[in-house]
Amino acid sequence: MKYLDRPLMQNIEEATVLIQKITTDLETNAGITWGITKKEDDALLGTIGFWKMYPEHARAEIGYMLHTDFHGKGYMQEALSTVIHFGFTALELHSIEANVNPGNESSIKLLEKNGFVREGYFRENYFFDGKFIDSAIYSLISPVVTIH
């Protein structure tokens, strides 16, 4: 949560509201979120998904988080490459966007490793926890050519 720039959940009710939003987004095609688990069990390690979708532009914004115990072990790389492939093939997206806290070097390296390019940098465009925070915008264009 260090770089997500939103308050930590304080109780089960707040978690339930988030789960309901994820469910509603899926039902209305506004977003899709997957849990990240190990292959051998269903323990939740993190999440990844397209939390903002713009079907009229064939574009979606990707977001992800992973428990710190599992950082640097390849879980997010595997999840990210799978979700990118799903976005470009099954959802026929033209581009995928990522909005990153510039201090999150691990996330930036992961995005760049997967072909994302920094397209923008917004200074102090987000207010959280009493201060203004910068945002870096990364984008990946589909290597798949689709004609509708």
Protein backbone atom coordinates (compact mmCIF):
# COMPACT_ATOMS: atom_id res chain seq x y z
CA MET A 1 0.00 0.00 0.00
CA LYS A 2 3.04 2.28 0.24
CA TYR A 3 2.54 3.60 -3.30
CA LEU A 4 -1.20 3.23 -3.80
CA ASP A 5 -1.89 6.62 -2.25
CA ARG A 6 -5.15 5.73 -0.58
CA PRO A 7 -5.97 5.03 3.06
CA LEU A 8 -5.56 1.54 4.49
CA MET A 9 -8.80 -0.29 5.12
CA GLN A 10 -9.78 -0.24 8.77
CA ASN A 11 -12.41 -2.99 8.94
CA ILE A 12 -14.29 -5.82 7.20
CA GLU A 13 -17.03 -3.45 6.05
CA GLU A 14 -14.57 -1.40 4.00
CA ALA A 15 -13.20 -4.59 2.42
CA THR A 16 -16.74 -5.72 1.64
CA VAL A 17 -17.46 -2.42 -0.13
CA LEU A 18 -14.33 -2.89 -2.28
CA ILE A 19 -15.33 -6.47 -3.14
CA GLN A 20 -18.81 -5.25 -4.09
CA LYS A 21 -17.28 -2.58 -6.35
CA ILE A 22 -15.05 -5.17 -8.04
CA THR A 23 -18.10 -7.40 -8.58
CA THR A 24 -20.22 -4.54 -9.96
CA ASP A 25 -17.40 -3.43 -12.27
CA LEU A 26 -17.16 -6.96 -13.65
CA GLU A 27 -20.94 -7.21 -14.16
CA THR A 28 -21.09 -3.83 -15.94
CA ASN A 29 -17.87 -4.30 -17.96
CA ALA A 30 -16.35 -1.28 -16.21
CA GLY A 31 -13.38 -3.30 -14.93
CA ILE A 32 -12.03 -6.76 -14.23
CA THR A 33 -9.86 -7.84 -11.29
CA TRP A 34 -8.15 -11.15 -10.63
CA GLY A 35 -6.67 -12.53 -7.46
CA ILE A 36 -3.03 -13.62 -7.57
CA THR A 37 -2.36 -16.97 -5.91
CA LYS A 38 0.26 -19.69 -5.96
CA LYS A 39 -0.60 -22.63 -8.19
CA GLU A 40 -0.65 -25.02 -5.24
CA ASP A 41 -3.19 -23.14 -3.07
CA ASP A 42 -5.80 -20.38 -3.05
CA ALA A 43 -4.14 -18.03 -0.55
CA LEU A 44 -4.46 -14.49 -1.91
CA LEU A 45 -1.04 -12.91 -2.58
CA GLY A 46 -2.33 -9.82 -4.37
CA THR A 47 -4.57 -8.56 -7.15
CA ILE A 48 -4.24 -7.35 -10.72
CA GLY A 49 -6.74 -6.06 -13.19
CA PHE A 50 -8.10 -3.45 -15.51
CA TRP A 51 -9.75 -1.18 -12.99
CA LYS A 52 -10.70 1.49 -15.51
CA MET A 53 -11.87 0.46 -18.96
CA TYR A 54 -12.59 2.74 -21.89
CA PRO A 55 -14.22 0.47 -24.49
CA GLU A 56 -14.89 3.38 -26.85
CA HIS A 57 -11.10 3.87 -27.05
CA ALA A 58 -10.12 0.17 -26.78
CA ARG A 59 -8.03 1.22 -23.78
CA ALA A 60 -7.82 0.17 -20.14
CA GLU A 61 -5.85 1.20 -17.08
CA ILE A 62 -4.07 -1.62 -15.30
CA GLY A 63 -3.51 -1.74 -11.57
CA TYR A 64 -1.91 -4.29 -9.29
CA MET A 65 -0.65 -4.91 -5.79
CA LEU A 66 1.24 -7.74 -4.15
CA HIS A 67 1.91 -8.54 -0.51
CA THR A 68 5.50 -7.58 0.34
CA ASP A 69 6.34 -11.17 1.38
CA PHE A 70 6.09 -12.11 -2.32
CA HIS A 71 7.97 -9.22 -3.93
CA GLY A 72 10.87 -10.13 -6.21
CA LYS A 73 9.76 -13.74 -6.73
CA GLY A 74 8.28 -13.45 -10.22
CA TYR A 75 4.60 -13.60 -9.24
CA MET A 76 3.75 -10.14 -10.54
CA GLN A 77 5.76 -10.64 -13.74
CA GLU A 78 3.77 -13.78 -14.49
CA ALA A 79 0.47 -12.11 -13.62
CA LEU A 80 1.24 -8.95 -15.59
CA SER A 81 2.30 -10.74 -18.77
CA THR A 82 -0.82 -12.94 -18.57
CA VAL A 83 -3.17 -9.98 -18.08
CA ILE A 84 -1.50 -7.98 -20.87
CA HIS A 85 -1.97 -10.93 -23.24
CA PHE A 86 -5.61 -11.28 -22.15
CA GLY A 87 -6.21 -7.56 -22.68
CA PHE A 88 -4.79 -7.51 -26.19
CA THR A 89 -6.33 -10.79 -27.35
CA ALA A 90 -9.58 -11.52 -25.51
CA LEU A 91 -10.57 -7.89 -24.85
CA GLU A 92 -9.05 -6.60 -28.13
CA LEU A 93 -7.55 -3.58 -26.39
CA HIS A 94 -5.44 -1.22 -28.45
CA SER A 95 -3.52 0.15 -25.47
CA ILE A 96 -2.99 -0.34 -21.75
CA GLU A 97 -2.19 2.51 -19.39
CA ALA A 98 -0.54 2.47 -15.96
CA ASN A 99 -0.57 5.42 -13.55
CA VAL A 100 2.41 5.03 -11.20
CA ASN A 101 3.72 6.86 -8.17
CA PRO A 102 7.19 7.92 -9.46
CA GLY A 103 8.77 6.68 -6.22
CA ASN A 104 7.68 3.13 -6.97
CA GLU A 105 10.84 2.08 -8.79
CA SER A 106 9.98 -1.64 -8.69
CA SER A 107 6.68 -1.08 -10.47
CA ILE A 108 8.31 1.18 -13.06
CA LYS A 109 10.99 -1.45 -13.77
CA LEU A 110 8.29 -4.13 -14.11
CA LEU A 111 6.30 -2.01 -16.55
CA GLU A 112 9.36 -1.15 -18.63
CA LYS A 113 10.44 -4.82 -18.68
CA ASN A 114 7.04 -5.54 -20.24
CA GLY A 115 7.35 -2.88 -22.92
CA PHE A 116 5.54 0.04 -21.29
CA VAL A 117 6.87 3.49 -22.15
CA ARG A 118 6.55 6.63 -20.03
CA GLU A 119 4.25 8.98 -21.87
CA GLY A 120 3.67 11.63 -19.26
CA TYR A 121 4.67 13.03 -15.91
CA PHE A 122 2.24 15.12 -13.93
CA ARG A 123 3.65 17.20 -11.11
CA GLU A 124 1.63 17.42 -7.92
CA ASN A 125 -1.59 16.34 -9.65
CA TYR A 126 -2.90 14.10 -6.85
CA PHE A 127 -3.64 15.15 -3.27
CA PHE A 128 -3.35 12.47 -0.58
CA ASP A 129 -2.53 12.42 3.10
CA GLY A 130 -1.97 16.16 3.31
CA LYS A 131 0.40 16.52 0.37
CA PHE A 132 0.46 16.73 -3.39
CA ILE A 133 1.95 13.74 -5.21
CA ASP A 134 3.34 13.39 -8.73
CA SER A 135 2.09 10.77 -11.21
CA ALA A 136 3.95 9.02 -14.03
CA ILE A 137 1.84 7.67 -16.88
CA TYR A 138 3.04 4.60 -18.78
CA SER A 139 1.45 3.06 -21.85
CA LEU A 140 1.73 -0.08 -23.94
CA ILE A 141 0.34 -0.26 -27.45
CA SER A 142 -0.95 -3.60 -28.73
CA PRO A 143 1.40 -5.50 -30.99
CA VAL A 144 -1.70 -7.18 -32.44
CA VAL A 145 -3.34 -5.40 -35.37
CA THR A 146 -7.13 -5.62 -35.27
CA ILE A 147 -9.58 -4.20 -37.75
CA HIS A 148 -13.14 -3.70 -36.58
